[in-house]
Amino acid sequence: SSTFTIQNSSHNTCMTKGGCFYSGNFPEHYNNNEYCSYIANNHGIINSIFFETQIVNDYLTMDNQVYSGYSGPNLININKNDIIEWSTDQTFISTGFEICYNDAAYGGAIYLGGELSSLTIDNSSIYLNSATRKGGAFYQDGGRVVFNNVIMYDSSSELNGYEIYTSGGTFEAINLTIPKVAQDGVFEGSTAQGADCVSSCEAGYGGRCQISNSATSCYVNCVCDVCDAGTYNNVAGSTDSDDCTYCEAGHISSYGATSCVACAA
């Protein structure tokens, strides 16, 4: 469904689609004596993809600001239920406008791609984002991401309705909370359906974790304890301190070891 609603359209030619609204007949010329009003259905930031009107006489009005000529709204905040008005006179006509929420096709707030990419986000709230394809808040197709003490909410994607979409790479979380808010789901990815919450403890550590993992929410709280001397853990993602395993007889290790070595003869 569209994120704008047409309230009035004098010639029934003004349009909305997805996260965008348009002058009459766009991308063809609009009409003389055209009047349209649009209601925003979401909070967000809007941006002019294309804007060309007759200067002064054909204009767009929002929040008491008037736009005409080649100067349309550029990264302007808009609130839910705000009204935007479009009016033309009886003289010249032009192409008009395409104005959209400042959304990405993939990853409304963050896009992570490439096998060597790495991203860590600490102590943040990510909300009120949207994407026209997948990953309302976050999209990943490679690399490694760690969310540490992050909450995500009220983001959506038109294609799948999810906050997060992963198609590759490593996804790790510590204290990632995603409450379900009027959406089909919160997470979709190549490794799991539902919120994929995993420990971010590195090899050489044992994790003491509380994990709540379902299709509606994701919460991970991990304390990563370094493995004691004489123990080791060669696998990342520990959720149990017992993952630090004692070395075999005749072998020894230092703190945080990922393997044991034979004792000197």
C-alpha atoms as a PDB file:
ATOM      1  CA  SER A   1       0.000   0.000   0.000  1.00  0.00           C
ATOM      2  CA  SER A   2       1.067   3.589  -0.551  1.00  0.00           C
ATOM      3  CA  THR A   3       2.593   5.710   2.183  1.00  0.00           C
ATOM      4  CA  PHE A   4       0.653   8.712   0.835  1.00  0.00           C
ATOM      5  CA  THR A   5      -3.087   9.103   0.326  1.00  0.00           C
ATOM      6  CA  ILE A   6      -4.665  11.458  -2.201  1.00  0.00           C
ATOM      7  CA  GLN A   7      -7.192  13.633  -0.413  1.00  0.00           C
ATOM      8  CA  ASN A   8      -8.277  15.711  -3.417  1.00  0.00           C
ATOM      9  CA  SER A   9      -7.468  15.551  -7.128  1.00  0.00           C
ATOM     10  CA  SER A  10      -9.243  18.019  -9.402  1.00  0.00           C
ATOM     11  CA  HIS A  11      -8.488  16.097 -12.600  1.00  0.00           C
ATOM     12  CA  ASN A  12      -8.141  12.623 -11.042  1.00  0.00           C
ATOM     13  CA  THR A  13      -4.635  12.393 -12.497  1.00  0.00           C
ATOM     14  CA  CYS A  14      -2.437  12.928  -9.416  1.00  0.00           C
ATOM     15  CA  MET A  15      -0.866   9.666  -8.273  1.00  0.00           C
ATOM     16  CA  THR A  16       0.729   7.874  -5.333  1.00  0.00           C
ATOM     17  CA  LYS A  17       2.692   4.653  -5.452  1.00  0.00           C
ATOM     18  CA  GLY A  18       4.753   2.959  -2.769  1.00  0.00           C
ATOM     19  CA  GLY A  19       6.657   5.658  -0.913  1.00  0.00           C
ATOM     20  CA  CYS A  20       6.123   8.342  -3.583  1.00  0.00           C
ATOM     21  CA  PHE A  21       3.572  10.904  -4.756  1.00  0.00           C
ATOM     22  CA  TYR A  22       3.347  12.570  -8.166  1.00  0.00           C
ATOM     23  CA  SER A  23       1.868  15.531 -10.000  1.00  0.00           C
ATOM     24  CA  GLY A  24      -0.889  14.819 -12.499  1.00  0.00           C
ATOM     25  CA  ASN A  25       0.056  12.642 -15.478  1.00  0.00           C
ATOM     26  CA  PHE A  26       3.702  12.361 -14.381  1.00  0.00           C
ATOM     27  CA  PRO A  27       6.085  11.882 -16.210  1.00  0.00           C
ATOM     28  CA  GLU A  28       3.936  13.632 -18.837  1.00  0.00           C
ATOM     29  CA  HIS A  29       2.893  17.267 -18.379  1.00  0.00           C
ATOM     30  CA  TYR A  30       0.455  18.108 -15.607  1.00  0.00           C
ATOM     31  CA  ASN A  31      -2.807  19.990 -16.193  1.00  0.00           C
ATOM     32  CA  ASN A  32      -3.697  23.659 -16.061  1.00  0.00           C
ATOM     33  CA  ASN A  33      -5.828  24.593 -13.036  1.00  0.00           C
ATOM     34  CA  GLU A  34      -4.816  21.394 -11.301  1.00  0.00           C
ATOM     35  CA  TYR A  35      -5.232  21.025  -7.543  1.00  0.00           C
ATOM     36  CA  CYS A  36      -4.231  17.990  -5.499  1.00  0.00           C
ATOM     37  CA  SER A  37      -3.696  17.354  -1.806  1.00  0.00           C
ATOM     38  CA  TYR A  38      -1.833  14.396  -0.328  1.00  0.00           C
ATOM     39  CA  ILE A  39      -1.772  13.052   3.232  1.00  0.00           C
ATOM     40  CA  ALA A  40       1.394  11.450   4.613  1.00  0.00           C
ATOM     41  CA  ASN A  41       0.679   8.111   6.261  1.00  0.00           C
ATOM     42  CA  ASN A  42       4.088   7.809   7.956  1.00  0.00           C
ATOM     43  CA  HIS A  43       6.766   9.861   9.621  1.00  0.00           C
ATOM     44  CA  GLY A  44       9.974  10.161   7.633  1.00  0.00           C
ATOM     45  CA  ILE A  45      12.146  12.250   5.355  1.00  0.00           C
ATOM     46  CA  ILE A  46      11.092  13.087   1.810  1.00  0.00           C
ATOM     47  CA  ASN A  47      13.232  14.026  -1.146  1.00  0.00           C
ATOM     48  CA  SER A  48      12.552  15.250  -4.693  1.00  0.00           C
ATOM     49  CA  ILE A  49      13.515  12.624  -7.243  1.00  0.00           C
ATOM     50  CA  PHE A  50      12.398  14.993 -10.013  1.00  0.00           C
ATOM     51  CA  PHE A  51      10.968  18.500  -9.721  1.00  0.00           C
ATOM     52  CA  GLU A  52      10.169  20.917 -12.568  1.00  0.00           C
ATOM     53  CA  THR A  53       7.219  23.329 -12.460  1.00  0.00           C
ATOM     54  CA  GLN A  54       6.359  26.791 -13.747  1.00  0.00           C
ATOM     55  CA  ILE A  55       8.134  29.185 -11.407  1.00  0.00           C
ATOM     56  CA  VAL A  56       5.868  30.880  -8.842  1.00  0.00           C
ATOM     57  CA  ASN A  57       2.558  30.082 -10.561  1.00  0.00           C
ATOM     58  CA  ASP A  58       2.640  26.275 -10.222  1.00  0.00           C
ATOM     59  CA  TYR A  59       3.738  25.322  -6.724  1.00  0.00           C
ATOM     60  CA  LEU A  60       3.807  22.707  -3.977  1.00  0.00           C
ATOM     61  CA  THR A  61       3.098  23.705  -0.372  1.00  0.00           C
ATOM     62  CA  MET A  62       3.999  21.787   2.764  1.00  0.00           C
ATOM     63  CA  ASP A  63       4.469  23.025   6.314  1.00  0.00           C
ATOM     64  CA  ASN A  64       4.015  26.630   5.114  1.00  0.00           C
ATOM     65  CA  GLN A  65       6.949  26.253   2.715  1.00  0.00           C
ATOM     66  CA  VAL A  66       6.348  26.847  -1.020  1.00  0.00           C
ATOM     67  CA  TYR A  67       8.303  25.003  -3.730  1.00  0.00           C
ATOM     68  CA  SER A  68       8.315  25.814  -7.447  1.00  0.00           C
ATOM     69  CA  GLY A  69      10.596  25.918 -10.469  1.00  0.00           C
ATOM     70  CA  TYR A  70      13.462  23.461 -10.034  1.00  0.00           C
ATOM     71  CA  SER A  71      13.602  23.601  -6.229  1.00  0.00           C
ATOM     72  CA  GLY A  72      11.574  20.823  -4.657  1.00  0.00           C
ATOM     73  CA  PRO A  73      11.697  19.437  -1.115  1.00  0.00           C
ATOM     74  CA  ASN A  74      15.176  18.106  -0.338  1.00  0.00           C
ATOM     75  CA  LEU A  75      15.619  15.896   2.742  1.00  0.00           C
ATOM     76  CA  ILE A  76      12.643  17.449   4.540  1.00  0.00           C
ATOM     77  CA  ASN A  77      11.117  15.901   7.668  1.00  0.00           C
ATOM     78  CA  ILE A  78       7.455  15.020   7.395  1.00  0.00           C
ATOM     79  CA  ASN A  79       5.048  13.825  10.064  1.00  0.00           C
ATOM     80  CA  LYS A  80       2.204  11.387   9.867  1.00  0.00           C
ATOM     81  CA  ASN A  81      -1.040  13.090   8.727  1.00  0.00           C
ATOM     82  CA  ASP A  82       0.784  16.111   7.306  1.00  0.00           C
ATOM     83  CA  ILE A  83      -1.016  17.556   4.278  1.00  0.00           C
ATOM     84  CA  ILE A  84       0.861  18.505   1.089  1.00  0.00           C
ATOM     85  CA  GLU A  85      -0.886  20.684  -1.508  1.00  0.00           C
ATOM     86  CA  TRP A  86      -0.190  21.082  -5.223  1.00  0.00           C
ATOM     87  CA  SER A  87      -1.707  23.894  -7.303  1.00  0.00           C
ATOM     88  CA  THR A  88      -1.295  25.183 -10.883  1.00  0.00           C
ATOM     89  CA  ASP A  89      -2.682  28.149 -12.779  1.00  0.00           C
ATOM     90  CA  GLN A  90      -4.158  28.408 -16.266  1.00  0.00           C
ATOM     91  CA  THR A  91      -1.002  29.388 -18.182  1.00  0.00           C
ATOM     92  CA  PHE A  92       2.095  27.254 -18.814  1.00  0.00           C
ATOM     93  CA  ILE A  93       2.529  23.608 -17.884  1.00  0.00           C
ATOM     94  CA  SER A  94       5.581  21.438 -17.258  1.00  0.00           C
ATOM     95  CA  THR A  95       6.609  17.912 -16.258  1.00  0.00           C
ATOM     96  CA  GLY A  96       5.879  18.222 -12.543  1.00  0.00           C
ATOM     97  CA  PHE A  97       7.375  16.124  -9.800  1.00  0.00           C
ATOM     98  CA  GLU A  98       8.146  12.765  -8.252  1.00  0.00           C
ATOM     99  CA  ILE A  99       8.711  13.048  -4.498  1.00  0.00           C
ATOM    100  CA  CYS A 100       9.499  10.057  -2.310  1.00  0.00           C
ATOM    101  CA  TYR A 101      10.406   9.074   1.181  1.00  0.00           C
ATOM    102  CA  ASN A 102      14.183   8.950   1.406  1.00  0.00           C
ATOM    103  CA  ASP A 103      14.177   5.157   1.418  1.00  0.00           C
ATOM    104  CA  ALA A 104      16.531   2.620  -0.037  1.00  0.00           C
ATOM    105  CA  ALA A 105      15.511  -0.402  -2.058  1.00  0.00           C
ATOM    106  CA  TYR A 106      17.534  -2.656   0.259  1.00  0.00           C
ATOM    107  CA  GLY A 107      18.185  -1.667   3.861  1.00  0.00           C
ATOM    108  CA  GLY A 108      16.219   1.410   4.829  1.00  0.00           C
ATOM    109  CA  ALA A 109      18.828   2.512   7.393  1.00  0.00           C
ATOM    110  CA  ILE A 110      21.893   0.336   6.734  1.00  0.00           C
ATOM    111  CA  TYR A 111      23.189  -1.747   3.820  1.00  0.00           C
ATOM    112  CA  LEU A 112      26.197  -4.011   4.346  1.00  0.00           C
ATOM    113  CA  GLY A 113      27.725  -5.769   1.346  1.00  0.00           C
ATOM    114  CA  GLY A 114      30.987  -7.385   0.365  1.00  0.00           C
ATOM    115  CA  GLU A 115      32.731 -10.307   2.016  1.00  0.00           C
ATOM    116  CA  LEU A 116      35.375  -8.105   3.660  1.00  0.00           C
ATOM    117  CA  SER A 117      32.926  -5.548   5.061  1.00  0.00           C
ATOM    118  CA  SER A 118      32.678  -5.239   8.828  1.00  0.00           C
ATOM    119  CA  LEU A 119      30.295  -3.199  10.960  1.00  0.00           C
ATOM    120  CA  THR A 120      29.698  -2.878  14.705  1.00  0.00           C
ATOM    121  CA  ILE A 121      26.799  -0.817  16.056  1.00  0.00           C
ATOM    122  CA  ASP A 122      26.745  -0.047  19.783  1.00  0.00           C
ATOM    123  CA  ASN A 123      24.098   1.461  22.067  1.00  0.00           C
ATOM    124  CA  SER A 124      21.692   2.612  19.362  1.00  0.00           C
ATOM    125  CA  SER A 125      18.020   2.770  18.433  1.00  0.00           C
ATOM    126  CA  ILE A 126      17.105   2.220  14.779  1.00  0.00           C
ATOM    127  CA  TYR A 127      13.507   3.009  13.927  1.00  0.00           C
ATOM    128  CA  LEU A 128      11.025   4.489  11.434  1.00  0.00           C
ATOM    129  CA  ASN A 129      12.906   3.328   8.342  1.00  0.00           C
ATOM    130  CA  SER A 130      11.598   1.601   5.256  1.00  0.00           C
ATOM    131  CA  ALA A 131      12.833  -0.022   2.081  1.00  0.00           C
ATOM    132  CA  THR A 132      11.050  -0.568  -1.198  1.00  0.00           C
ATOM    133  CA  ARG A 133      12.385  -4.120  -1.501  1.00  0.00           C
ATOM    134  CA  LYS A 134      13.915  -5.914   1.502  1.00  0.00           C
ATOM    135  CA  GLY A 135      15.258  -5.062   4.934  1.00  0.00           C
ATOM    136  CA  GLY A 136      13.302  -2.159   6.362  1.00  0.00           C
ATOM    137  CA  ALA A 137      16.074  -1.291   8.815  1.00  0.00           C
ATOM    138  CA  PHE A 138      19.033  -3.453   7.782  1.00  0.00           C
ATOM    139  CA  TYR A 139      20.104  -5.490   4.746  1.00  0.00           C
ATOM    140  CA  GLN A 140      23.203  -7.683   4.571  1.00  0.00           C
ATOM    141  CA  ASP A 141      24.601  -9.661   1.657  1.00  0.00           C
ATOM    142  CA  GLY A 142      28.122 -10.239   2.965  1.00  0.00           C
ATOM    143  CA  GLY A 143      30.667  -9.318   5.582  1.00  0.00           C
ATOM    144  CA  ARG A 144      30.167  -9.364   9.345  1.00  0.00           C
ATOM    145  CA  VAL A 145      27.877  -7.245  11.512  1.00  0.00           C
ATOM    146  CA  VAL A 146      27.638  -7.067  15.293  1.00  0.00           C
ATOM    147  CA  PHE A 147      24.721  -5.333  17.000  1.00  0.00           C
ATOM    148  CA  ASN A 148      25.540  -4.515  20.630  1.00  0.00           C
ATOM    149  CA  ASN A 149      22.758  -3.133  22.837  1.00  0.00           C
ATOM    150  CA  VAL A 150      20.547  -2.103  19.897  1.00  0.00           C
ATOM    151  CA  ILE A 151      16.780  -1.831  19.616  1.00  0.00           C
ATOM    152  CA  MET A 152      14.954  -1.786  16.266  1.00  0.00           C
ATOM    153  CA  TYR A 153      11.296  -1.003  15.754  1.00  0.00           C
ATOM    154  CA  ASP A 154       8.661   0.448  13.422  1.00  0.00           C
ATOM    155  CA  SER A 155      10.626  -0.227  10.234  1.00  0.00           C
ATOM    156  CA  SER A 156       9.247  -2.173   7.303  1.00  0.00           C
ATOM    157  CA  SER A 157       9.915  -3.256   3.755  1.00  0.00           C
ATOM    158  CA  GLU A 158       7.249  -3.388   1.091  1.00  0.00           C
ATOM    159  CA  LEU A 159       8.330  -6.730  -0.358  1.00  0.00           C
ATOM    160  CA  ASN A 160       8.729  -8.822   2.780  1.00  0.00           C
ATOM    161  CA  GLY A 161       7.734  -6.670   5.760  1.00  0.00           C
ATOM    162  CA  TYR A 162      10.855  -7.414   7.781  1.00  0.00           C
ATOM    163  CA  GLU A 163      13.154  -5.202   9.841  1.00  0.00           C
ATOM    164  CA  ILE A 164      16.232  -7.271   8.939  1.00  0.00           C
ATOM    165  CA  TYR A 165      17.137  -9.262   5.843  1.00  0.00           C
ATOM    166  CA  THR A 166      20.350 -11.219   5.412  1.00  0.00           C
ATOM    167  CA  SER A 167      21.345 -13.094   2.279  1.00  0.00           C
ATOM    168  CA  GLY A 168      24.942 -13.821   3.270  1.00  0.00           C
ATOM    169  CA  GLY A 169      27.719 -13.010   5.696  1.00  0.00           C
ATOM    170  CA  THR A 170      27.859 -13.286   9.492  1.00  0.00           C
ATOM    171  CA  PHE A 171      25.150 -11.788  11.685  1.00  0.00           C
ATOM    172  CA  GLU A 172      25.839 -11.520  15.430  1.00  0.00           C
ATOM    173  CA  ALA A 173      23.929  -9.859  18.232  1.00  0.00           C
ATOM    174  CA  ILE A 174      24.388  -8.901  21.861  1.00  0.00           C
ATOM    175  CA  ASN A 175      21.331  -7.289  23.436  1.00  0.00           C
ATOM    176  CA  LEU A 176      19.451  -6.869  20.148  1.00  0.00           C
ATOM    177  CA  THR A 177      15.765  -6.281  20.762  1.00  0.00           C
ATOM    178  CA  ILE A 178      13.158  -6.214  17.974  1.00  0.00           C
ATOM    179  CA  PRO A 179       9.581  -6.080  19.248  1.00  0.00           C
ATOM    180  CA  LYS A 180       7.010  -7.072  16.654  1.00  0.00           C
ATOM    181  CA  VAL A 181       4.886  -4.075  15.668  1.00  0.00           C
ATOM    182  CA  ALA A 182       2.120  -4.705  13.131  1.00  0.00           C
ATOM    183  CA  GLN A 183       4.337  -6.585  10.708  1.00  0.00           C
ATOM    184  CA  ASP A 184       4.478 -10.023   9.154  1.00  0.00           C
ATOM    185  CA  GLY A 185       7.788 -10.704  10.864  1.00  0.00           C
ATOM    186  CA  VAL A 186      11.009  -9.137  11.985  1.00  0.00           C
ATOM    187  CA  PHE A 187      13.754 -11.211  10.424  1.00  0.00           C
ATOM    188  CA  GLU A 188      14.319 -13.173   7.242  1.00  0.00           C
ATOM    189  CA  GLY A 189      17.626 -14.626   6.200  1.00  0.00           C
ATOM    190  CA  SER A 190      19.552 -17.416   4.565  1.00  0.00           C
ATOM    191  CA  THR A 191      20.438 -19.147   7.841  1.00  0.00           C
ATOM    192  CA  ALA A 192      17.201 -19.091   9.796  1.00  0.00           C
ATOM    193  CA  GLN A 193      13.605 -17.989   9.754  1.00  0.00           C
ATOM    194  CA  GLY A 194      12.763 -15.866  12.753  1.00  0.00           C
ATOM    195  CA  ALA A 195      15.185 -13.614  14.596  1.00  0.00           C
ATOM    196  CA  ASP A 196      18.675 -15.127  14.286  1.00  0.00           C
ATOM    197  CA  CYS A 197      20.234 -14.210  17.622  1.00  0.00           C
ATOM    198  CA  VAL A 198      23.708 -15.590  18.279  1.00  0.00           C
ATOM    199  CA  SER A 199      26.495 -15.031  20.759  1.00  0.00           C
ATOM    200  CA  SER A 200      29.277 -12.699  19.662  1.00  0.00           C
ATOM    201  CA  CYS A 201      31.894 -14.348  21.899  1.00  0.00           C
ATOM    202  CA  GLU A 202      35.125 -14.991  20.029  1.00  0.00           C
ATOM    203  CA  ALA A 203      37.135 -18.212  20.038  1.00  0.00           C
ATOM    204  CA  GLY A 204      39.139 -18.420  23.263  1.00  0.00           C
ATOM    205  CA  TYR A 205      36.122 -17.299  25.300  1.00  0.00           C
ATOM    206  CA  GLY A 206      33.203 -19.012  26.983  1.00  0.00           C
ATOM    207  CA  GLY A 207      29.844 -17.274  26.946  1.00  0.00           C
ATOM    208  CA  ARG A 208      27.290 -16.891  29.711  1.00  0.00           C
ATOM    209  CA  CYS A 209      24.203 -16.031  27.682  1.00  0.00           C
ATOM    210  CA  GLN A 210      20.505 -15.431  28.031  1.00  0.00           C
ATOM    211  CA  ILE A 211      18.845 -15.894  24.653  1.00  0.00           C
ATOM    212  CA  SER A 212      15.246 -15.368  23.627  1.00  0.00           C
ATOM    213  CA  ASN A 213      14.814 -16.267  19.968  1.00  0.00           C
ATOM    214  CA  SER A 214      11.463 -16.396  18.213  1.00  0.00           C
ATOM    215  CA  ALA A 215       9.731 -15.185  15.084  1.00  0.00           C
ATOM    216  CA  THR A 216       8.521 -12.090  16.907  1.00  0.00           C
ATOM    217  CA  SER A 217      11.470 -10.891  18.967  1.00  0.00           C
ATOM    218  CA  CYS A 218      15.192 -11.290  19.418  1.00  0.00           C
ATOM    219  CA  TYR A 219      17.164 -10.775  22.599  1.00  0.00           C
ATOM    220  CA  VAL A 220      20.699 -11.892  23.420  1.00  0.00           C
ATOM    221  CA  ASN A 221      22.589 -10.952  26.570  1.00  0.00           C
ATOM    222  CA  CYS A 222      26.070 -12.460  26.697  1.00  0.00           C
ATOM    223  CA  VAL A 223      29.057 -12.069  28.992  1.00  0.00           C
ATOM    224  CA  CYS A 224      32.176 -13.439  27.315  1.00  0.00           C
ATOM    225  CA  ASP A 225      34.682 -14.865  29.807  1.00  0.00           C
ATOM    226  CA  VAL A 226      38.233 -15.521  28.667  1.00  0.00           C
ATOM    227  CA  CYS A 227      39.152 -19.198  28.901  1.00  0.00           C
ATOM    228  CA  ASP A 228      41.427 -19.928  31.862  1.00  0.00           C
ATOM    229  CA  ALA A 229      44.968 -21.177  31.431  1.00  0.00           C
ATOM    230  CA  GLY A 230      44.846 -24.909  30.895  1.00  0.00           C
ATOM    231  CA  THR A 231      41.589 -24.664  28.922  1.00  0.00           C
ATOM    232  CA  TYR A 232      40.726 -23.690  25.351  1.00  0.00           C
ATOM    233  CA  ASN A 233      37.847 -23.041  22.965  1.00  0.00           C
ATOM    234  CA  ASN A 234      38.461 -23.098  19.216  1.00  0.00           C
ATOM    235  CA  VAL A 235      34.922 -22.144  18.177  1.00  0.00           C
ATOM    236  CA  ALA A 236      33.379 -18.663  18.174  1.00  0.00           C
ATOM    237  CA  GLY A 237      29.803 -18.058  19.298  1.00  0.00           C
ATOM    238  CA  SER A 238      29.951 -19.754  22.694  1.00  0.00           C
ATOM    239  CA  THR A 239      26.834 -19.581  24.872  1.00  0.00           C
ATOM    240  CA  ASP A 240      28.153 -21.672  27.793  1.00  0.00           C
ATOM    241  CA  SER A 241      31.222 -21.159  29.956  1.00  0.00           C
ATOM    242  CA  ASP A 242      31.739 -24.940  29.837  1.00  0.00           C
ATOM    243  CA  ASP A 243      32.743 -24.488  26.180  1.00  0.00           C
ATOM    244  CA  CYS A 244      36.222 -23.745  27.564  1.00  0.00           C
ATOM    245  CA  THR A 245      37.518 -27.309  27.569  1.00  0.00           C
ATOM    246  CA  TYR A 246      40.410 -28.643  29.648  1.00  0.00           C
ATOM    247  CA  CYS A 247      43.532 -29.576  27.734  1.00  0.00           C
ATOM    248  CA  GLU A 248      44.427 -33.239  27.454  1.00  0.00           C
ATOM    249  CA  ALA A 249      47.041 -34.668  29.753  1.00  0.00           C
ATOM    250  CA  GLY A 250      50.503 -33.578  28.701  1.00  0.00           C
ATOM    251  CA  HIS A 251      49.231 -30.369  27.099  1.00  0.00           C
ATOM    252  CA  ILE A 252      48.972 -26.794  28.307  1.00  0.00           C
ATOM    253  CA  SER A 253      47.466 -23.468  27.240  1.00  0.00           C
ATOM    254  CA  SER A 254      47.542 -19.795  28.203  1.00  0.00           C
ATOM    255  CA  TYR A 255      44.573 -17.535  28.902  1.00  0.00           C
ATOM    256  CA  GLY A 256      42.220 -17.112  25.948  1.00  0.00           C
ATOM    257  CA  ALA A 257      43.699 -20.044  24.048  1.00  0.00           C
ATOM    258  CA  THR A 258      42.086 -21.555  21.000  1.00  0.00           C
ATOM    259  CA  SER A 259      44.235 -24.704  21.221  1.00  0.00           C
ATOM    260  CA  CYS A 260      46.597 -26.522  23.551  1.00  0.00           C
ATOM    261  CA  VAL A 261      50.265 -27.315  22.992  1.00  0.00           C
ATOM    262  CA  ALA A 262      52.275 -30.259  24.219  1.00  0.00           C
ATOM    263  CA  CYS A 263      54.276 -29.716  27.349  1.00  0.00           C
ATOM    264  CA  ALA A 264      58.028 -29.424  26.894  1.00  0.00           C
ATOM    265  CA  ALA A 265      59.870 -32.689  27.416  1.00  0.00           C
END
